[in-house]
């Protein structure tokens, strides 16, 4: 399983040197993981199957994932502007 994941990551890196496909896949993976963690927290809290430690762990993991997702989205917005600025500097405009 781990080997298959590594091979798929290598394929994504080779597929797009700009990183756009890899970035979109990263955002999608973060989103899926965030949803799964928050769903588990909600379900466990509702069914009262989680103890305090598990709730704390899932809450902090969910919060970190949301911050990571927000950071990746900010980077996605900034990256095109950075690329445009670099092109302008290279051409001397």
N, C-alpha and C. Protein backbone atom coordinates (compact mmCIF):
# COMPACT_ATOMS: atom_id res chain seq x y z
N UNK A 1 0.83 -1.20 0.00
CA UNK A 1 0.00 0.00 0.00
C UNK A 1 0.87 1.25 0.00
N UNK A 2 1.87 1.28 0.92
CA UNK A 2 2.74 2.45 1.00
C UNK A 2 3.50 2.64 -0.31
N UNK A 3 3.96 1.54 -0.89
CA UNK A 3 4.69 1.62 -2.16
C UNK A 3 3.81 2.18 -3.27
N UNK A 4 2.55 1.76 -3.31
CA UNK A 4 1.63 2.27 -4.33
C UNK A 4 1.41 3.77 -4.16
N UNK A 5 1.31 4.22 -2.92
CA UNK A 5 1.15 5.65 -2.67
C UNK A 5 2.38 6.43 -3.13
N UNK A 6 3.56 5.89 -2.83
CA UNK A 6 4.79 6.56 -3.24
C UNK A 6 4.89 6.64 -4.75
N UNK A 7 4.52 5.55 -5.44
CA UNK A 7 4.58 5.54 -6.89
C UNK A 7 3.59 6.54 -7.49
N UNK A 8 2.40 6.66 -6.88
CA UNK A 8 1.43 7.61 -7.40
C UNK A 8 1.90 9.04 -7.17
N UNK A 9 2.59 9.30 -6.05
CA UNK A 9 3.13 10.62 -5.79
C UNK A 9 4.20 10.98 -6.81
N UNK A 10 5.04 10.01 -7.15
CA UNK A 10 6.08 10.24 -8.15
C UNK A 10 5.45 10.57 -9.49
N UNK A 11 4.38 9.84 -9.86
CA UNK A 11 3.68 10.10 -11.11
C UNK A 11 3.11 11.49 -11.16
N UNK A 12 2.58 11.95 -10.04
CA UNK A 12 2.00 13.30 -9.99
C UNK A 12 3.10 14.33 -10.15
N UNK A 13 4.25 14.12 -9.51
CA UNK A 13 5.34 15.08 -9.62
C UNK A 13 5.85 15.16 -11.04
N UNK A 14 5.92 14.01 -11.74
CA UNK A 14 6.40 14.02 -13.11
C UNK A 14 5.37 14.61 -14.07
N UNK A 15 4.11 14.50 -13.71
CA UNK A 15 3.04 14.92 -14.59
C UNK A 15 3.01 16.42 -14.84
N UNK A 16 3.39 17.20 -13.82
CA UNK A 16 3.28 18.65 -13.96
C UNK A 16 4.43 19.31 -13.20
N UNK A 17 5.37 19.86 -13.93
CA UNK A 17 6.52 20.48 -13.29
C UNK A 17 6.15 21.75 -12.54
N UNK A 18 5.06 22.40 -12.92
CA UNK A 18 4.61 23.62 -12.25
C UNK A 18 4.01 23.32 -10.89
N UNK A 19 3.57 22.10 -10.66
CA UNK A 19 3.01 21.73 -9.37
C UNK A 19 1.53 21.94 -9.22
N UNK A 20 0.85 22.34 -10.30
CA UNK A 20 -0.59 22.63 -10.19
C UNK A 20 -1.40 21.38 -9.92
N UNK A 21 -1.10 20.29 -10.62
CA UNK A 21 -1.84 19.05 -10.40
C UNK A 21 -1.53 18.51 -9.01
N UNK A 22 -0.29 18.56 -8.61
CA UNK A 22 0.10 18.09 -7.28
C UNK A 22 -0.55 18.92 -6.19
N UNK A 23 -0.64 20.21 -6.39
CA UNK A 23 -1.27 21.10 -5.40
C UNK A 23 -2.76 20.82 -5.28
N UNK A 24 -3.42 20.61 -6.42
CA UNK A 24 -4.85 20.31 -6.39
C UNK A 24 -5.10 18.98 -5.68
N UNK A 25 -4.24 18.01 -5.95
CA UNK A 25 -4.38 16.71 -5.29
C UNK A 25 -4.12 16.84 -3.78
N UNK A 26 -3.13 17.65 -3.42
CA UNK A 26 -2.85 17.89 -2.01
C UNK A 26 -4.06 18.50 -1.32
N UNK A 27 -4.66 19.52 -1.92
CA UNK A 27 -5.85 20.15 -1.35
C UNK A 27 -6.99 19.15 -1.22
N UNK A 28 -7.18 18.32 -2.23
CA UNK A 28 -8.25 17.33 -2.18
C UNK A 28 -8.00 16.31 -1.06
N UNK A 29 -6.75 15.89 -0.90
CA UNK A 29 -6.42 14.92 0.15
C UNK A 29 -6.59 15.54 1.54
N UNK A 30 -6.16 16.78 1.70
CA UNK A 30 -6.34 17.45 3.00
C UNK A 30 -7.83 17.58 3.30
N UNK A 31 -8.59 17.95 2.30
CA UNK A 31 -10.04 18.11 2.49
C UNK A 31 -10.70 16.79 2.89
N UNK A 32 -10.36 15.70 2.19
CA UNK A 32 -10.93 14.39 2.53
C UNK A 32 -10.57 13.97 3.95
N UNK A 33 -9.30 14.16 4.32
CA UNK A 33 -8.86 13.78 5.65
C UNK A 33 -9.54 14.63 6.72
N UNK A 34 -9.67 15.93 6.45
CA UNK A 34 -10.34 16.83 7.39
C UNK A 34 -11.78 16.41 7.61
N UNK A 35 -12.47 16.12 6.53
CA UNK A 35 -13.87 15.69 6.63
C UNK A 35 -13.98 14.40 7.43
N UNK A 36 -13.09 13.44 7.16
CA UNK A 36 -13.13 12.16 7.88
C UNK A 36 -12.89 12.36 9.38
N UNK A 37 -11.90 13.18 9.73
CA UNK A 37 -11.59 13.42 11.15
C UNK A 37 -12.75 14.12 11.84
N UNK A 38 -13.30 15.16 11.21
CA UNK A 38 -14.40 15.89 11.82
C UNK A 38 -15.67 15.04 11.90
N UNK A 39 -15.92 14.20 10.90
CA UNK A 39 -17.06 13.28 10.95
C UNK A 39 -16.91 12.28 12.09
N UNK A 40 -15.69 11.74 12.26
CA UNK A 40 -15.44 10.81 13.36
C UNK A 40 -15.65 11.48 14.71
N UNK A 41 -15.20 12.72 14.82
CA UNK A 41 -15.39 13.47 16.06
C UNK A 41 -16.88 13.70 16.33
N UNK A 42 -17.60 14.11 15.30
CA UNK A 42 -19.03 14.37 15.48
C UNK A 42 -19.78 13.09 15.85
N UNK A 43 -19.51 12.01 15.13
CA UNK A 43 -20.19 10.74 15.38
C UNK A 43 -19.86 10.20 16.77
N UNK A 44 -18.58 10.24 17.13
CA UNK A 44 -18.17 9.74 18.43
C UNK A 44 -18.73 10.56 19.58
N UNK A 45 -18.83 11.87 19.37
CA UNK A 45 -19.40 12.73 20.40
C UNK A 45 -20.90 12.49 20.54
N UNK A 46 -21.56 12.33 19.41
CA UNK A 46 -23.01 12.11 19.41
C UNK A 46 -23.35 10.77 20.06
N UNK A 47 -22.58 9.72 19.71
CA UNK A 47 -22.84 8.37 20.23
C UNK A 47 -22.20 8.14 21.60
N UNK A 48 -21.42 9.11 22.05
CA UNK A 48 -20.71 9.02 23.34
C UNK A 48 -19.79 7.80 23.40
N UNK A 49 -19.10 7.55 22.26
CA UNK A 49 -18.16 6.43 22.20
C UNK A 49 -16.71 6.89 22.34
N UNK A 50 -16.50 8.20 22.46
CA UNK A 50 -15.14 8.74 22.60
C UNK A 50 -14.92 9.21 24.02
N UNK A 51 -13.73 8.92 24.55
CA UNK A 51 -13.39 9.50 25.85
C UNK A 51 -12.79 10.89 25.63
N UNK A 52 -12.51 11.59 26.70
CA UNK A 52 -12.01 12.96 26.60
C UNK A 52 -10.70 13.05 25.80
N UNK A 53 -9.82 12.09 26.02
CA UNK A 53 -8.54 12.10 25.31
C UNK A 53 -8.72 11.96 23.80
N UNK A 54 -9.61 11.06 23.41
CA UNK A 54 -9.87 10.87 21.98
C UNK A 54 -10.53 12.11 21.37
N UNK A 55 -11.45 12.73 22.11
CA UNK A 55 -12.07 13.96 21.62
C UNK A 55 -11.03 15.05 21.44
N UNK A 56 -10.14 15.19 22.42
CA UNK A 56 -9.10 16.21 22.34
C UNK A 56 -8.18 15.96 21.15
N UNK A 57 -7.81 14.68 20.97
CA UNK A 57 -6.92 14.32 19.86
C UNK A 57 -7.57 14.62 18.51
N UNK A 58 -8.82 14.19 18.34
CA UNK A 58 -9.51 14.45 17.07
C UNK A 58 -9.74 15.94 16.85
N UNK A 59 -10.06 16.66 17.92
CA UNK A 59 -10.27 18.11 17.79
C UNK A 59 -9.00 18.82 17.36
N UNK A 60 -7.89 18.49 18.00
CA UNK A 60 -6.63 19.16 17.65
C UNK A 60 -6.18 18.75 16.25
N UNK A 61 -6.38 17.50 15.89
CA UNK A 61 -6.02 17.05 14.53
C UNK A 61 -6.88 17.77 13.50
N UNK A 62 -8.18 17.89 13.76
CA UNK A 62 -9.07 18.61 12.84
C UNK A 62 -8.66 20.06 12.70
N UNK A 63 -8.32 20.70 13.82
CA UNK A 63 -7.90 22.11 13.78
C UNK A 63 -6.62 22.27 12.97
N UNK A 64 -5.66 21.37 13.16
CA UNK A 64 -4.41 21.44 12.39
C UNK A 64 -4.67 21.24 10.90
N UNK A 65 -5.55 20.30 10.58
CA UNK A 65 -5.87 20.06 9.17
C UNK A 65 -6.55 21.26 8.54
N UNK A 66 -7.44 21.90 9.28
CA UNK A 66 -8.09 23.11 8.75
C UNK A 66 -7.09 24.23 8.52
N UNK A 67 -6.12 24.38 9.45
CA UNK A 67 -5.08 25.40 9.25
C UNK A 67 -4.21 25.07 8.05
N UNK A 68 -3.87 23.78 7.90
CA UNK A 68 -3.08 23.35 6.76
C UNK A 68 -3.81 23.60 5.45
N UNK A 69 -5.09 23.30 5.42
CA UNK A 69 -5.91 23.52 4.24
C UNK A 69 -5.96 25.01 3.89
N UNK A 70 -6.19 25.85 4.90
CA UNK A 70 -6.24 27.29 4.68
C UNK A 70 -4.88 27.80 4.17
N UNK A 71 -3.81 27.29 4.74
CA UNK A 71 -2.47 27.69 4.31
C UNK A 71 -2.21 27.28 2.86
N UNK A 72 -2.62 26.07 2.52
CA UNK A 72 -2.43 25.60 1.14
C UNK A 72 -3.26 26.42 0.17
N UNK A 73 -4.46 26.81 0.57
CA UNK A 73 -5.29 27.65 -0.29
C UNK A 73 -4.66 29.03 -0.49
N UNK A 74 -4.10 29.59 0.59
CA UNK A 74 -3.43 30.89 0.48
C UNK A 74 -2.24 30.78 -0.46
N UNK A 75 -1.47 29.70 -0.33
CA UNK A 75 -0.32 29.49 -1.21
C UNK A 75 -0.76 29.38 -2.66
N UNK A 76 -1.91 28.76 -2.90
CA UNK A 76 -2.42 28.60 -4.25
C UNK A 76 -2.76 29.96 -4.86
N UNK A 77 -3.30 30.85 -4.06
CA UNK A 77 -3.65 32.19 -4.54
C UNK A 77 -2.40 33.02 -4.79
N UNK A 78 -1.41 32.87 -3.93
CA UNK A 78 -0.18 33.65 -4.03
C UNK A 78 0.70 33.16 -5.18
N UNK A 79 0.74 31.87 -5.41
CA UNK A 79 1.64 31.29 -6.41
C UNK A 79 1.47 31.88 -7.81
N UNK A 80 0.24 31.99 -8.35
CA UNK A 80 0.12 32.58 -9.70
C UNK A 80 0.66 34.01 -9.76
N UNK A 81 0.44 34.77 -8.71
CA UNK A 81 0.96 36.15 -8.68
C UNK A 81 2.49 36.13 -8.65
N UNK A 82 3.07 35.21 -7.89
CA UNK A 82 4.52 35.09 -7.84
C UNK A 82 5.09 34.73 -9.21
N UNK A 83 4.43 33.79 -9.89
CA UNK A 83 4.90 33.38 -11.21
C UNK A 83 4.84 34.54 -12.20
N UNK A 84 3.77 35.31 -12.13
CA UNK A 84 3.62 36.46 -13.03
C UNK A 84 4.71 37.50 -12.73
N UNK A 85 4.99 37.74 -11.47
CA UNK A 85 6.01 38.71 -11.09
C UNK A 85 7.39 38.24 -11.57
N UNK A 86 7.67 36.95 -11.42
CA UNK A 86 8.97 36.42 -11.89
C UNK A 86 9.11 36.57 -13.40
N UNK A 87 8.03 36.28 -14.14
CA UNK A 87 8.07 36.41 -15.60
C UNK A 87 8.34 37.86 -15.99
N UNK A 88 7.70 38.77 -15.29
CA UNK A 88 7.88 40.19 -15.61
C UNK A 88 9.32 40.62 -15.32
N UNK A 89 9.91 40.11 -14.24
CA UNK A 89 11.29 40.45 -13.90
C UNK A 89 12.26 39.87 -14.92
N UNK A 90 11.97 38.64 -15.39
CA UNK A 90 12.84 37.98 -16.36
C UNK A 90 12.82 38.69 -17.70
N UNK A 91 11.65 39.20 -18.10
CA UNK A 91 11.54 39.87 -19.38
C UNK A 91 11.95 41.33 -19.29
N UNK A 92 12.12 41.84 -18.07
CA UNK A 92 12.55 43.21 -17.90
C UNK A 92 11.44 44.23 -18.04
N UNK A 93 10.22 43.79 -17.86
CA UNK A 93 9.07 44.70 -17.99
C UNK A 93 8.82 45.42 -16.70
